[in-house]
């Protein structure tokens, strides 16, 4: 069972995908969800909300890519769980993505079971 008290930041520039992530997280009774549409604002939101437990970070976004945002966050927090959610699924691409400091990844389209499993991996109670 997932700890439903966790606080999650969704970083996704496509509104529909962000909405689907939020709806699916709410299915797990997770209600403390924040959202933004670019990496630069993700950094600012996390700096102002250090109680965030998990960041779901898209890779390709306007203003600042998720890879760059993750590297910037890692400069001041090595412990926050950051999960990449990406359409890139080739093993070489995944390996490159993980080198930016992500804890894990999930591929798009994000299936409900995959989302549950990746969150449960880090926030099981």
PDB file of N, CA and C in Angstrom:
ATOM      1  N   UNK A   1       0.837  -1.178   0.000  1.00  0.00           N
ATOM      2  CA  UNK A   1       0.000   0.000   0.000  1.00  0.00           C
ATOM      3  C   UNK A   1       0.888   1.249   0.000  1.00  0.00           C
ATOM      4  N   UNK A   2       0.539   2.209  -0.819  1.00  0.00           N
ATOM      5  CA  UNK A   2       1.272   3.471  -0.919  1.00  0.00           C
ATOM      6  C   UNK A   2       0.913   4.360   0.269  1.00  0.00           C
ATOM      7  N   UNK A   3       1.920   5.046   0.781  1.00  0.00           N
ATOM      8  CA  UNK A   3       1.691   6.052   1.807  1.00  0.00           C
ATOM      9  C   UNK A   3       0.978   7.227   1.140  1.00  0.00           C
ATOM     10  N   UNK A   4      -0.310   7.405   1.416  1.00  0.00           N
ATOM     11  CA  UNK A   4      -1.084   8.437   0.734  1.00  0.00           C
ATOM     12  C   UNK A   4      -0.891   9.828   1.331  1.00  0.00           C
ATOM     13  N   UNK A   5      -0.005   9.965   2.306  1.00  0.00           N
ATOM     14  CA  UNK A   5       0.287  11.270   2.900  1.00  0.00           C
ATOM     15  C   UNK A   5       1.428  11.989   2.184  1.00  0.00           C
ATOM     16  N   UNK A   6       1.981  11.356   1.167  1.00  0.00           N
ATOM     17  CA  UNK A   6       3.103  11.973   0.466  1.00  0.00           C
ATOM     18  C   UNK A   6       2.650  13.198  -0.322  1.00  0.00           C
ATOM     19  N   UNK A   7       3.595  14.089  -0.517  1.00  0.00           N
ATOM     20  CA  UNK A   7       3.354  15.309  -1.294  1.00  0.00           C
ATOM     21  C   UNK A   7       4.111  15.178  -2.608  1.00  0.00           C
ATOM     22  N   UNK A   8       3.385  15.355  -3.711  1.00  0.00           N
ATOM     23  CA  UNK A   8       3.942  15.110  -5.043  1.00  0.00           C
ATOM     24  C   UNK A   8       3.882  16.377  -5.897  1.00  0.00           C
ATOM     25  N   UNK A   9       4.961  16.610  -6.624  1.00  0.00           N
ATOM     26  CA  UNK A   9       5.000  17.675  -7.621  1.00  0.00           C
ATOM     27  C   UNK A   9       5.031  17.030  -8.998  1.00  0.00           C
ATOM     28  N   UNK A  10       4.018  17.324  -9.801  1.00  0.00           N
ATOM     29  CA  UNK A  10       3.963  16.878 -11.198  1.00  0.00           C
ATOM     30  C   UNK A  10       4.549  17.992 -12.056  1.00  0.00           C
ATOM     31  N   UNK A  11       5.546  17.642 -12.872  1.00  0.00           N
ATOM     32  CA  UNK A  11       6.157  18.614 -13.788  1.00  0.00           C
ATOM     33  C   UNK A  11       5.907  18.083 -15.202  1.00  0.00           C
ATOM     34  N   UNK A  12       4.936  18.697 -15.863  1.00  0.00           N
ATOM     35  CA  UNK A  12       4.474  18.215 -17.172  1.00  0.00           C
ATOM     36  C   UNK A  12       3.900  19.389 -17.945  1.00  0.00           C
ATOM     37  N   UNK A  13       4.378  19.597 -19.171  1.00  0.00           N
ATOM     38  CA  UNK A  13       3.908  20.727 -19.970  1.00  0.00           C
ATOM     39  C   UNK A  13       2.636  20.434 -20.760  1.00  0.00           C
ATOM     40  N   UNK A  14       2.283  19.184 -20.927  1.00  0.00           N
ATOM     41  CA  UNK A  14       1.061  18.846 -21.657  1.00  0.00           C
ATOM     42  C   UNK A  14      -0.075  18.707 -20.645  1.00  0.00           C
ATOM     43  N   UNK A  15      -1.022  19.615 -20.725  1.00  0.00           N
ATOM     44  CA  UNK A  15      -2.101  19.705 -19.724  1.00  0.00           C
ATOM     45  C   UNK A  15      -2.850  18.386 -19.547  1.00  0.00           C
ATOM     46  N   UNK A  16      -3.164  17.713 -20.648  1.00  0.00           N
ATOM     47  CA  UNK A  16      -3.913  16.464 -20.559  1.00  0.00           C
ATOM     48  C   UNK A  16      -3.117  15.401 -19.809  1.00  0.00           C
ATOM     49  N   UNK A  17      -1.829  15.300 -20.076  1.00  0.00           N
ATOM     50  CA  UNK A  17      -1.006  14.309 -19.377  1.00  0.00           C
ATOM     51  C   UNK A  17      -0.889  14.640 -17.896  1.00  0.00           C
ATOM     52  N   UNK A  18      -0.766  15.917 -17.584  1.00  0.00           N
ATOM     53  CA  UNK A  18      -0.720  16.340 -16.184  1.00  0.00           C
ATOM     54  C   UNK A  18      -2.035  15.994 -15.480  1.00  0.00           C
ATOM     55  N   UNK A  19      -3.138  16.251 -16.146  1.00  0.00           N
ATOM     56  CA  UNK A  19      -4.448  15.937 -15.579  1.00  0.00           C
ATOM     57  C   UNK A  19      -4.600  14.434 -15.355  1.00  0.00           C
ATOM     58  N   UNK A  20      -4.176  13.625 -16.318  1.00  0.00           N
ATOM     59  CA  UNK A  20      -4.270  12.169 -16.167  1.00  0.00           C
ATOM     60  C   UNK A  20      -3.413  11.670 -15.004  1.00  0.00           C
ATOM     61  N   UNK A  21      -2.221  12.214 -14.858  1.00  0.00           N
ATOM     62  CA  UNK A  21      -1.376  11.845 -13.728  1.00  0.00           C
ATOM     63  C   UNK A  21      -2.064  12.193 -12.415  1.00  0.00           C
ATOM     64  N   UNK A  22      -2.621  13.389 -12.349  1.00  0.00           N
ATOM     65  CA  UNK A  22      -3.290  13.831 -11.121  1.00  0.00           C
ATOM     66  C   UNK A  22      -4.487  12.939 -10.804  1.00  0.00           C
ATOM     67  N   UNK A  23      -5.297  12.646 -11.789  1.00  0.00           N
ATOM     68  CA  UNK A  23      -6.468  11.783 -11.583  1.00  0.00           C
ATOM     69  C   UNK A  23      -6.029  10.403 -11.091  1.00  0.00           C
ATOM     70  N   UNK A  24      -4.982   9.866 -11.704  1.00  0.00           N
ATOM     71  CA  UNK A  24      -4.505   8.543 -11.295  1.00  0.00           C
ATOM     72  C   UNK A  24      -3.899   8.566  -9.901  1.00  0.00           C
ATOM     73  N   UNK A  25      -3.209   9.620  -9.535  1.00  0.00           N
ATOM     74  CA  UNK A  25      -2.680   9.729  -8.180  1.00  0.00           C
ATOM     75  C   UNK A  25      -3.815   9.833  -7.167  1.00  0.00           C
ATOM     76  N   UNK A  26      -4.853  10.544  -7.524  1.00  0.00           N
ATOM     77  CA  UNK A  26      -6.012  10.655  -6.634  1.00  0.00           C
ATOM     78  C   UNK A  26      -6.708   9.309  -6.459  1.00  0.00           C
ATOM     79  N   UNK A  27      -6.609   8.428  -7.451  1.00  0.00           N
ATOM     80  CA  UNK A  27      -7.150   7.075  -7.322  1.00  0.00           C
ATOM     81  C   UNK A  27      -6.459   6.302  -6.206  1.00  0.00           C
ATOM     82  N   UNK A  28      -5.202   6.679  -5.919  1.00  0.00           N
ATOM     83  CA  UNK A  28      -4.439   6.052  -4.839  1.00  0.00           C
ATOM     84  C   UNK A  28      -4.649   6.799  -3.520  1.00  0.00           C
ATOM     85  N   UNK A  29      -5.630   7.699  -3.511  1.00  0.00           N
ATOM     86  CA  UNK A  29      -5.953   8.529  -2.339  1.00  0.00           C
ATOM     87  C   UNK A  29      -4.838   9.503  -1.981  1.00  0.00           C
ATOM     88  N   UNK A  30      -4.023   9.858  -2.956  1.00  0.00           N
ATOM     89  CA  UNK A  30      -3.006  10.895  -2.756  1.00  0.00           C
ATOM     90  C   UNK A  30      -3.650  12.216  -3.149  1.00  0.00           C
ATOM     91  N   UNK A  31      -3.715  13.112  -2.193  1.00  0.00           N
ATOM     92  CA  UNK A  31      -4.413  14.374  -2.437  1.00  0.00           C
ATOM     93  C   UNK A  31      -3.502  15.585  -2.418  1.00  0.00           C
ATOM     94  N   UNK A  32      -2.280  15.426  -1.895  1.00  0.00           N
ATOM     95  CA  UNK A  32      -1.375  16.559  -1.779  1.00  0.00           C
ATOM     96  C   UNK A  32      -0.502  16.617  -3.027  1.00  0.00           C
ATOM     97  N   UNK A  33      -1.074  17.215  -4.084  1.00  0.00           N
ATOM     98  CA  UNK A  33      -0.444  17.222  -5.400  1.00  0.00           C
ATOM     99  C   UNK A  33      -0.292  18.662  -5.888  1.00  0.00           C
ATOM    100  N   UNK A  34       0.905  18.984  -6.323  1.00  0.00           N
ATOM    101  CA  UNK A  34       1.171  20.288  -6.922  1.00  0.00           C
ATOM    102  C   UNK A  34       1.531  20.041  -8.383  1.00  0.00           C
ATOM    103  N   UNK A  35       1.387  21.076  -9.210  1.00  0.00           N
ATOM    104  CA  UNK A  35       1.671  20.932 -10.639  1.00  0.00           C
ATOM    105  C   UNK A  35       2.376  22.160 -11.181  1.00  0.00           C
ATOM    106  N   UNK A  36       3.231  21.927 -12.171  1.00  0.00           N
ATOM    107  CA  UNK A  36       3.827  23.004 -12.940  1.00  0.00           C
ATOM    108  C   UNK A  36       4.128  22.481 -14.334  1.00  0.00           C
ATOM    109  N   UNK A  37       4.424  23.398 -15.251  1.00  0.00           N
ATOM    110  CA  UNK A  37       4.575  22.987 -16.650  1.00  0.00           C
ATOM    111  C   UNK A  37       5.984  23.163 -17.217  1.00  0.00           C
ATOM    112  N   UNK A  38       6.973  23.445 -16.338  1.00  0.00           N
ATOM    113  CA  UNK A  38       8.343  23.555 -16.840  1.00  0.00           C
ATOM    114  C   UNK A  38       9.354  23.337 -15.726  1.00  0.00           C
ATOM    115  N   UNK A  39      10.569  23.007 -16.123  1.00  0.00           N
ATOM    116  CA  UNK A  39      11.610  22.685 -15.162  1.00  0.00           C
ATOM    117  C   UNK A  39      12.037  23.854 -14.295  1.00  0.00           C
ATOM    118  N   UNK A  40      12.065  25.048 -14.858  1.00  0.00           N
ATOM    119  CA  UNK A  40      12.489  26.215 -14.083  1.00  0.00           C
ATOM    120  C   UNK A  40      11.553  26.464 -12.911  1.00  0.00           C
ATOM    121  N   UNK A  41      10.257  26.428 -13.165  1.00  0.00           N
ATOM    122  CA  UNK A  41       9.320  26.651 -12.062  1.00  0.00           C
ATOM    123  C   UNK A  41       9.311  25.470 -11.096  1.00  0.00           C
ATOM    124  N   UNK A  42       9.651  24.273 -11.578  1.00  0.00           N
ATOM    125  CA  UNK A  42       9.745  23.107 -10.684  1.00  0.00           C
ATOM    126  C   UNK A  42      10.820  23.341  -9.623  1.00  0.00           C
ATOM    127  N   UNK A  43      11.944  23.899 -10.043  1.00  0.00           N
ATOM    128  CA  UNK A  43      13.023  24.207  -9.089  1.00  0.00           C
ATOM    129  C   UNK A  43      12.528  25.197  -8.047  1.00  0.00           C
ATOM    130  N   UNK A  44      11.875  26.257  -8.503  1.00  0.00           N
ATOM    131  CA  UNK A  44      11.374  27.287  -7.586  1.00  0.00           C
ATOM    132  C   UNK A  44      10.332  26.718  -6.628  1.00  0.00           C
ATOM    133  N   UNK A  45       9.417  25.930  -7.153  1.00  0.00           N
ATOM    134  CA  UNK A  45       8.379  25.334  -6.302  1.00  0.00           C
ATOM    135  C   UNK A  45       9.011  24.428  -5.254  1.00  0.00           C
ATOM    136  N   UNK A  46       9.979  23.613  -5.667  1.00  0.00           N
ATOM    137  CA  UNK A  46      10.607  22.713  -4.703  1.00  0.00           C
ATOM    138  C   UNK A  46      11.402  23.486  -3.648  1.00  0.00           C
ATOM    139  N   UNK A  47      12.094  24.544  -4.047  1.00  0.00           N
ATOM    140  CA  UNK A  47      12.838  25.352  -3.075  1.00  0.00           C
ATOM    141  C   UNK A  47      11.899  25.982  -2.053  1.00  0.00           C
ATOM    142  N   UNK A  48      10.695  26.345  -2.495  1.00  0.00           N
ATOM    143  CA  UNK A  48       9.715  26.958  -1.595  1.00  0.00           C
ATOM    144  C   UNK A  48       8.857  25.945  -0.845  1.00  0.00           C
ATOM    145  N   UNK A  49       8.957  24.681  -1.225  1.00  0.00           N
ATOM    146  CA  UNK A  49       8.175  23.605  -0.600  1.00  0.00           C
ATOM    147  C   UNK A  49       9.073  22.391  -0.370  1.00  0.00           C
ATOM    148  N   UNK A  50      10.046  22.504   0.526  1.00  0.00           N
ATOM    149  CA  UNK A  50      10.992  21.409   0.723  1.00  0.00           C
ATOM    150  C   UNK A  50      10.369  20.155   1.340  1.00  0.00           C
ATOM    151  N   UNK A  51       9.084  20.234   1.680  1.00  0.00           N
ATOM    152  CA  UNK A  51       8.386  19.060   2.218  1.00  0.00           C
ATOM    153  C   UNK A  51       7.831  18.164   1.109  1.00  0.00           C
ATOM    154  N   UNK A  52       8.067  18.520  -0.142  1.00  0.00           N
ATOM    155  CA  UNK A  52       7.665  17.655  -1.263  1.00  0.00           C
ATOM    156  C   UNK A  52       8.464  16.361  -1.153  1.00  0.00           C
ATOM    157  N   UNK A  53       7.769  15.241  -1.314  1.00  0.00           N
ATOM    158  CA  UNK A  53       8.397  13.928  -1.179  1.00  0.00           C
ATOM    159  C   UNK A  53       8.823  13.324  -2.507  1.00  0.00           C
ATOM    160  N   UNK A  54       8.120  13.684  -3.581  1.00  0.00           N
ATOM    161  CA  UNK A  54       8.331  13.052  -4.876  1.00  0.00           C
ATOM    162  C   UNK A  54       8.095  14.057  -5.987  1.00  0.00           C
ATOM    163  N   UNK A  55       8.992  14.053  -6.961  1.00  0.00           N
ATOM    164  CA  UNK A  55       8.812  14.877  -8.160  1.00  0.00           C
ATOM    165  C   UNK A  55       8.691  13.933  -9.344  1.00  0.00           C
ATOM    166  N   UNK A  56       7.589  14.055 -10.081  1.00  0.00           N
ATOM    167  CA  UNK A  56       7.386  13.334 -11.337  1.00  0.00           C
ATOM    168  C   UNK A  56       7.753  14.309 -12.444  1.00  0.00           C
ATOM    169  N   UNK A  57       8.913  14.094 -13.064  1.00  0.00           N
ATOM    170  CA  UNK A  57       9.499  15.079 -13.971  1.00  0.00           C
ATOM    171  C   UNK A  57       9.469  14.614 -15.416  1.00  0.00           C
ATOM    172  N   UNK A  58       8.771  15.363 -16.255  1.00  0.00           N
ATOM    173  CA  UNK A  58       8.823  15.125 -17.692  1.00  0.00           C
ATOM    174  C   UNK A  58      10.210  15.537 -18.182  1.00  0.00           C
ATOM    175  N   UNK A  59      10.618  15.009 -19.316  1.00  0.00           N
ATOM    176  CA  UNK A  59      11.947  15.312 -19.838  1.00  0.00           C
ATOM    177  C   UNK A  59      11.925  16.532 -20.760  1.00  0.00           C
ATOM    178  N   UNK A  60      11.181  16.465 -21.856  1.00  0.00           N
ATOM    179  CA  UNK A  60      11.164  17.556 -22.827  1.00  0.00           C
ATOM    180  C   UNK A  60      10.047  18.538 -22.490  1.00  0.00           C
ATOM    181  N   UNK A  61      10.469  19.742 -22.123  1.00  0.00           N
ATOM    182  CA  UNK A  61       9.508  20.799 -21.789  1.00  0.00           C
ATOM    183  C   UNK A  61      10.060  22.135 -22.252  1.00  0.00           C
ATOM    184  N   UNK A  62       9.189  23.108 -22.403  1.00  0.00           N
ATOM    185  CA  UNK A  62       9.667  24.453 -22.737  1.00  0.00           C
ATOM    186  C   UNK A  62      10.344  25.084 -21.519  1.00  0.00           C
ATOM    187  N   UNK A  63      11.066  26.127 -21.753  1.00  0.00           N
ATOM    188  CA  UNK A  63      11.780  26.933 -20.759  1.00  0.00           C
ATOM    189  C   UNK A  63      12.985  26.184 -20.189  1.00  0.00           C
ATOM    190  N   UNK A  64      12.777  24.993 -19.599  1.00  0.00           N
ATOM    191  CA  UNK A  64      13.887  24.196 -19.079  1.00  0.00           C
ATOM    192  C   UNK A  64      13.523  22.724 -19.108  1.00  0.00           C
ATOM    193  N   UNK A  65      14.368  21.924 -19.735  1.00  0.00           N
ATOM    194  CA  UNK A  65      14.160  20.478 -19.783  1.00  0.00           C
ATOM    195  C   UNK A  65      14.198  19.875 -18.373  1.00  0.00           C
ATOM    196  N   UNK A  66      13.535  18.761 -18.221  1.00  0.00           N
ATOM    197  CA  UNK A  66      13.521  18.060 -16.947  1.00  0.00           C
ATOM    198  C   UNK A  66      14.890  17.555 -16.531  1.00  0.00           C
ATOM    199  N   UNK A  67      15.732  17.226 -17.501  1.00  0.00           N
ATOM    200  CA  UNK A  67      17.085  16.772 -17.173  1.00  0.00           C
ATOM    201  C   UNK A  67      17.888  17.895 -16.518  1.00  0.00           C
ATOM    202  N   UNK A  68      17.774  19.096 -17.047  1.00  0.00           N
ATOM    203  CA  UNK A  68      18.484  20.248 -16.495  1.00  0.00           C
ATOM    204  C   UNK A  68      17.925  20.587 -15.113  1.00  0.00           C
ATOM    205  N   UNK A  69      16.616  20.595 -14.991  1.00  0.00           N
ATOM    206  CA  UNK A  69      15.982  20.889 -13.700  1.00  0.00           C
ATOM    207  C   UNK A  69      16.422  19.880 -12.644  1.00  0.00           C
ATOM    208  N   UNK A  70      16.487  18.620 -13.021  1.00  0.00           N
ATOM    209  CA  UNK A  70      16.916  17.586 -12.081  1.00  0.00           C
ATOM    210  C   UNK A  70      18.357  17.819 -11.636  1.00  0.00           C
ATOM    211  N   UNK A  71      19.226  18.151 -12.565  1.00  0.00           N
ATOM    212  CA  UNK A  71      20.614  18.445 -12.202  1.00  0.00           C
ATOM    213  C   UNK A  71      20.692  19.637 -11.240  1.00  0.00           C
ATOM    214  N   UNK A  72      19.878  20.652 -11.484  1.00  0.00           N
ATOM    215  CA  UNK A  72      19.881  21.833 -10.613  1.00  0.00           C
ATOM    216  C   UNK A  72      19.365  21.479  -9.215  1.00  0.00           C
ATOM    217  N   UNK A  73      18.316  20.695  -9.149  1.00  0.00           N
ATOM    218  CA  UNK A  73      17.775  20.274  -7.849  1.00  0.00           C
ATOM    219  C   UNK A  73      18.809  19.442  -7.101  1.00  0.00           C
ATOM    220  N   UNK A  74      19.521  18.585  -7.794  1.00  0.00           N
ATOM    221  CA  UNK A  74      20.532  17.725  -7.153  1.00  0.00           C
ATOM    222  C   UNK A  74      21.672  18.535  -6.548  1.00  0.00           C
ATOM    223  N   UNK A  75      21.880  19.758  -7.005  1.00  0.00           N
ATOM    224  CA  UNK A  75      22.928  20.603  -6.428  1.00  0.00           C
ATOM    225  C   UNK A  75      22.630  20.966  -4.981  1.00  0.00           C
ATOM    226  N   UNK A  76      21.342  21.036  -4.620  1.00  0.00           N
ATOM    227  CA  UNK A  76      21.003  21.391  -3.248  1.00  0.00           C
ATOM    228  C   UNK A  76      20.210  20.307  -2.511  1.00  0.00           C
ATOM    229  N   UNK A  77      19.811  19.241  -3.193  1.00  0.00           N
ATOM    230  CA  UNK A  77      19.117  18.134  -2.524  1.00  0.00           C
ATOM    231  C   UNK A  77      19.414  16.826  -3.247  1.00  0.00           C
ATOM    232  N   UNK A  78      20.176  16.000  -2.609  1.00  0.00           N
ATOM    233  CA  UNK A  78      20.541  14.699  -3.187  1.00  0.00           C
ATOM    234  C   UNK A  78      19.515  13.621  -2.856  1.00  0.00           C
ATOM    235  N   UNK A  79      18.593  13.896  -1.923  1.00  0.00           N
ATOM    236  CA  UNK A  79      17.713  12.857  -1.394  1.00  0.00           C
ATOM    237  C   UNK A  79      16.297  12.829  -1.964  1.00  0.00           C
ATOM    238  N   UNK A  80      15.815  13.941  -2.481  1.00  0.00           N
ATOM    239  CA  UNK A  80      14.449  13.963  -3.017  1.00  0.00           C
ATOM    240  C   UNK A  80      14.316  12.901  -4.116  1.00  0.00           C
ATOM    241  N   UNK A  81      13.198  12.195  -4.101  1.00  0.00           N
ATOM    242  CA  UNK A  81      12.940  11.183  -5.130  1.00  0.00           C
ATOM    243  C   UNK A  81      12.431  11.900  -6.379  1.00  0.00           C
ATOM    244  N   UNK A  82      13.144  11.729  -7.486  1.00  0.00           N
ATOM    245  CA  UNK A  82      12.739  12.322  -8.766  1.00  0.00           C
ATOM    246  C   UNK A  82      12.600  11.192  -9.775  1.00  0.00           C
ATOM    247  N   UNK A  83      11.389  11.051 -10.288  1.00  0.00           N
ATOM    248  CA  UNK A  83      11.073  10.019 -11.267  1.00  0.00           C
ATOM    249  C   UNK A  83      10.868  10.687 -12.626  1.00  0.00           C
ATOM    250  N   UNK A  84      11.628  10.265 -13.618  1.00  0.00           N
ATOM    251  CA  UNK A  84      11.427  10.769 -14.979  1.00  0.00           C
ATOM    252  C   UNK A  84      10.217  10.075 -15.574  1.00  0.00           C
ATOM    253  N   UNK A  85       9.363  10.845 -16.222  1.00  0.00           N
ATOM    254  CA  UNK A  85       8.322  10.214 -17.036  1.00  0.00           C
ATOM    255  C   UNK A  85       8.528  10.722 -18.450  1.00  0.00           C
ATOM    256  N   UNK A  86       8.716   9.743 -19.341  1.00  0.00           N
ATOM    257  CA  UNK A  86       9.210  10.074 -20.664  1.00  0.00           C
ATOM    258  C   UNK A  86       8.694   9.121 -21.731  1.00  0.00           C
ATOM    259  N   UNK A  87       8.653   9.602 -22.935  1.00  0.00           N
ATOM    260  CA  UNK A  87       8.294   8.757 -24.074  1.00  0.00           C
ATOM    261  C   UNK A  87       9.513   7.991 -24.579  1.00  0.00           C
ATOM    262  N   UNK A  88      10.702   8.382 -24.129  1.00  0.00           N
ATOM    263  CA  UNK A  88      11.923   7.695 -24.541  1.00  0.00           C
ATOM    264  C   UNK A  88      12.006   6.345 -23.839  1.00  0.00           C
ATOM    265  N   UNK A  89      12.022   5.279 -24.605  1.00  0.00           N
ATOM    266  CA  UNK A  89      12.004   3.950 -23.997  1.00  0.00           C
ATOM    267  C   UNK A  89      13.161   3.066 -24.439  1.00  0.00           C
ATOM    268  N   UNK A  90      13.982   3.537 -25.329  1.00  0.00           N
ATOM    269  CA  UNK A  90      15.124   2.747 -25.766  1.00  0.00           C
ATOM    270  C   UNK A  90      16.127   2.649 -24.605  1.00  0.00           C
ATOM    271  N   UNK A  91      16.703   1.476 -24.371  1.00  0.00           N
ATOM    272  CA  UNK A  91      17.623   1.308 -23.239  1.00  0.00           C
ATOM    273  C   UNK A  91      18.754   2.336 -23.188  1.00  0.00           C
ATOM    274  N   UNK A  92      19.320   2.698 -24.331  1.00  0.00           N
ATOM    275  CA  UNK A  92      20.387   3.707 -24.339  1.00  0.00           C
ATOM    276  C   UNK A  92      19.870   5.070 -23.892  1.00  0.00           C
ATOM    277  N   UNK A  93      18.669   5.420 -24.319  1.00  0.00           N
ATOM    278  CA  UNK A  93      18.082   6.704 -23.915  1.00  0.00           C
ATOM    279  C   UNK A  93      17.783   6.707 -22.419  1.00  0.00           C
ATOM    280  N   UNK A  94      17.258   5.600 -21.914  1.00  0.00           N
ATOM    281  CA  UNK A  94      16.962   5.498 -20.485  1.00  0.00           C
ATOM    282  C   UNK A  94      18.242   5.637 -19.672  1.00  0.00           C
ATOM    283  N   UNK A  95      19.297   4.979 -20.116  1.00  0.00           N
ATOM    284  CA  UNK A  95      20.580   5.066 -19.404  1.00  0.00           C
ATOM    285  C   UNK A  95      21.078   6.511 -19.368  1.00  0.00           C
ATOM    286  N   UNK A  96      20.969   7.216 -20.490  1.00  0.00           N
ATOM    287  CA  UNK A  96      21.377   8.621 -20.537  1.00  0.00           C
ATOM    288  C   UNK A  96      20.541   9.467 -19.585  1.00  0.00           C
ATOM    289  N   UNK A  97      19.237   9.241 -19.574  1.00  0.00           N
ATOM    290  CA  UNK A  97      18.340   9.992 -18.699  1.00  0.00           C
ATOM    291  C   UNK A  97      18.712   9.774 -17.236  1.00  0.00           C
ATOM    292  N   UNK A  98      18.971   8.541 -16.871  1.00  0.00           N
ATOM    293  CA  UNK A  98      19.285   8.218 -15.478  1.00  0.00           C
ATOM    294  C   UNK A  98      20.583   8.897 -15.026  1.00  0.00           C
ATOM    295  N   UNK A  99      21.478   9.171 -15.955  1.00  0.00           N
ATOM    296  CA  UNK A  99      22.740   9.832 -15.613  1.00  0.00           C
ATOM    297  C   UNK A  99      22.558  11.286 -15.170  1.00  0.00           C
ATOM    298  N   UNK A 100      21.374  11.851 -15.356  1.00  0.00           N
ATOM    299  CA  UNK A 100      21.110  13.230 -14.941  1.00  0.00           C
ATOM    300  C   UNK A 100      20.733  13.339 -13.464  1.00  0.00           C
ATOM    301  N   UNK A 101      20.564  12.200 -12.798  1.00  0.00           N
ATOM    302  CA  UNK A 101      20.276  12.249 -11.363  1.00  0.00           C
ATOM    303  C   UNK A 101      18.890  11.787 -10.964  1.00  0.00           C
ATOM    304  N   UNK A 102      18.162  11.209 -11.893  1.00  0.00           N
ATOM    305  CA  UNK A 102      16.847  10.668 -11.557  1.00  0.00           C
ATOM    306  C   UNK A 102      17.010   9.403 -10.713  1.00  0.00           C
ATOM    307  N   UNK A 103      16.049   9.151  -9.847  1.00  0.00           N
ATOM    308  CA  UNK A 103      16.047   7.911  -9.071  1.00  0.00           C
ATOM    309  C   UNK A 103      15.523   6.747  -9.894  1.00  0.00           C
ATOM    310  N   UNK A 104      14.606   7.070 -10.806  1.00  0.00           N
ATOM    311  CA  UNK A 104      13.942   6.022 -11.576  1.00  0.00           C
ATOM    312  C   UNK A 104      13.237   6.683 -12.746  1.00  0.00           C
ATOM    313  N   UNK A 105      12.549   5.861 -13.539  1.00  0.00           N
ATOM    314  CA  UNK A 105      11.806   6.388 -14.683  1.00  0.00           C
ATOM    315  C   UNK A 105      10.560   5.548 -14.902  1.00  0.00           C
ATOM    316  N   UNK A 106       9.639   6.155 -15.615  1.00  0.00           N
ATOM    317  CA  UNK A 106       8.432   5.471 -16.063  1.00  0.00           C
ATOM    318  C   UNK A 106       8.168   5.961 -17.483  1.00  0.00           C
ATOM    319  N   UNK A 107       7.783   5.047 -18.376  1.00  0.00           N
ATOM    320  CA  UNK A 107       7.601   5.435 -19.763  1.00  0.00           C
ATOM    321  C   UNK A 107       6.138   5.770 -20.072  1.00  0.00           C
ATOM    322  N   UNK A 108       5.985   6.673 -21.017  1.00  0.00           N
ATOM    323  CA  UNK A 108       4.661   7.068 -21.501  1.00  0.00           C
ATOM    324  C   UNK A 108       4.256   6.145 -22.636  1.00  0.00           C
ATOM    325  N   UNK A 109       3.009   5.861 -22.818  1.00  0.00           N
ATOM    326  CA  UNK A 109       1.908   6.282 -21.951  1.00  0.00           C
ATOM    327  C   UNK A 109       1.997   5.579 -20.599  1.00  0.00           C
ATOM    328  N   UNK A 110       1.721   6.327 -19.550  1.00  0.00           N
ATOM    329  CA  UNK A 110       1.846   5.812 -18.197  1.00  0.00           C
ATOM    330  C   UNK A 110       0.609   4.985 -17.848  1.00  0.00           C
ATOM    331  N   UNK A 111       0.845   3.724 -17.576  1.00  0.00           N
ATOM    332  CA  UNK A 111      -0.238   2.826 -17.182  1.00  0.00           C
ATOM    333  C   UNK A 111      -0.436   2.909 -15.675  1.00  0.00           C
ATOM    334  N   UNK A 112      -1.660   2.751 -15.235  1.00  0.00           N
ATOM    335  CA  UNK A 112      -2.007   2.880 -13.824  1.00  0.00           C
ATOM    336  C   UNK A 112      -1.171   1.938 -12.955  1.00  0.00           C
ATOM    337  N   UNK A 113      -1.032   0.692 -13.363  1.00  0.00           N
ATOM    338  CA  UNK A 113      -0.247  -0.270 -12.576  1.00  0.00           C
ATOM    339  C   UNK A 113       1.218   0.138 -12.494  1.00  0.00           C
ATOM    340  N   UNK A 114       1.763   0.643 -13.595  1.00  0.00           N
ATOM    341  CA  UNK A 114       3.162   1.084 -13.594  1.00  0.00           C
ATOM    342  C   UNK A 114       3.361   2.267 -12.653  1.00  0.00           C
ATOM    343  N   UNK A 115       2.429   3.202 -12.670  1.00  0.00           N
ATOM    344  CA  UNK A 115       2.500   4.359 -11.786  1.00  0.00           C
ATOM    345  C   UNK A 115       2.434   3.913 -10.332  1.00  0.00           C
ATOM    346  N   UNK A 116       1.507   3.030 -10.034  1.00  0.00           N
ATOM    347  CA  UNK A 116       1.368   2.517  -8.666  1.00  0.00           C
ATOM    348  C   UNK A 116       2.668   1.840  -8.228  1.00  0.00           C
ATOM    349  N   UNK A 117       3.205   0.982  -9.069  1.00  0.00           N
ATOM    350  CA  UNK A 117       4.402   0.221  -8.705  1.00  0.00           C
ATOM    351  C   UNK A 117       5.614   1.111  -8.465  1.00  0.00           C
ATOM    352  N   UNK A 118       5.776   2.137  -9.280  1.00  0.00           N
ATOM    353  CA  UNK A 118       6.946   3.001  -9.126  1.00  0.00           C
ATOM    354  C   UNK A 118       6.833   3.841  -7.852  1.00  0.00           C
ATOM    355  N   UNK A 119       5.639   4.282  -7.511  1.00  0.00           N
ATOM    356  CA  UNK A 119       5.461   5.047  -6.266  1.00  0.00           C
ATOM    357  C   UNK A 119       5.570   4.116  -5.069  1.00  0.00           C
ATOM    358  N   UNK A 120       4.974   2.950  -5.170  1.00  0.00           N
ATOM    359  CA  UNK A 120       5.044   1.995  -4.063  1.00  0.00           C
ATOM    360  C   UNK A 120       6.496   1.616  -3.756  1.00  0.00           C
ATOM    361  N   UNK A 121       7.320   1.537  -4.771  1.00  0.00           N
ATOM    362  CA  UNK A 121       8.734   1.181  -4.600  1.00  0.00           C
ATOM    363  C   UNK A 121       9.428   2.112  -3.612  1.00  0.00           C
ATOM    364  N   UNK A 122       9.045   3.392  -3.600  1.00  0.00           N
ATOM    365  CA  UNK A 122       9.692   4.377  -2.745  1.00  0.00           C
ATOM    366  C   UNK A 122       8.859   4.793  -1.534  1.00  0.00           C
ATOM    367  N   UNK A 123       7.555   4.572  -1.590  1.00  0.00           N
ATOM    368  CA  UNK A 123       6.685   5.067  -0.519  1.00  0.00           C
ATOM    369  C   UNK A 123       5.712   4.000  -0.021  1.00  0.00           C
ATOM    370  N   UNK A 124       6.198   2.802   0.173  1.00  0.00           N
ATOM    371  CA  UNK A 124       5.401   1.700   0.692  1.00  0.00           C
ATOM    372  C   UNK A 124       5.265   1.844   2.200  1.00  0.00           C
ATOM    373  N   UNK A 125       4.032   1.632   2.695  1.00  0.00           N
ATOM    374  CA  UNK A 125       3.843   1.620   4.152  1.00  0.00           C
ATOM    375  C   UNK A 125       3.348   0.277   4.614  1.00  0.00           C
TER     376      UNK A 125
END
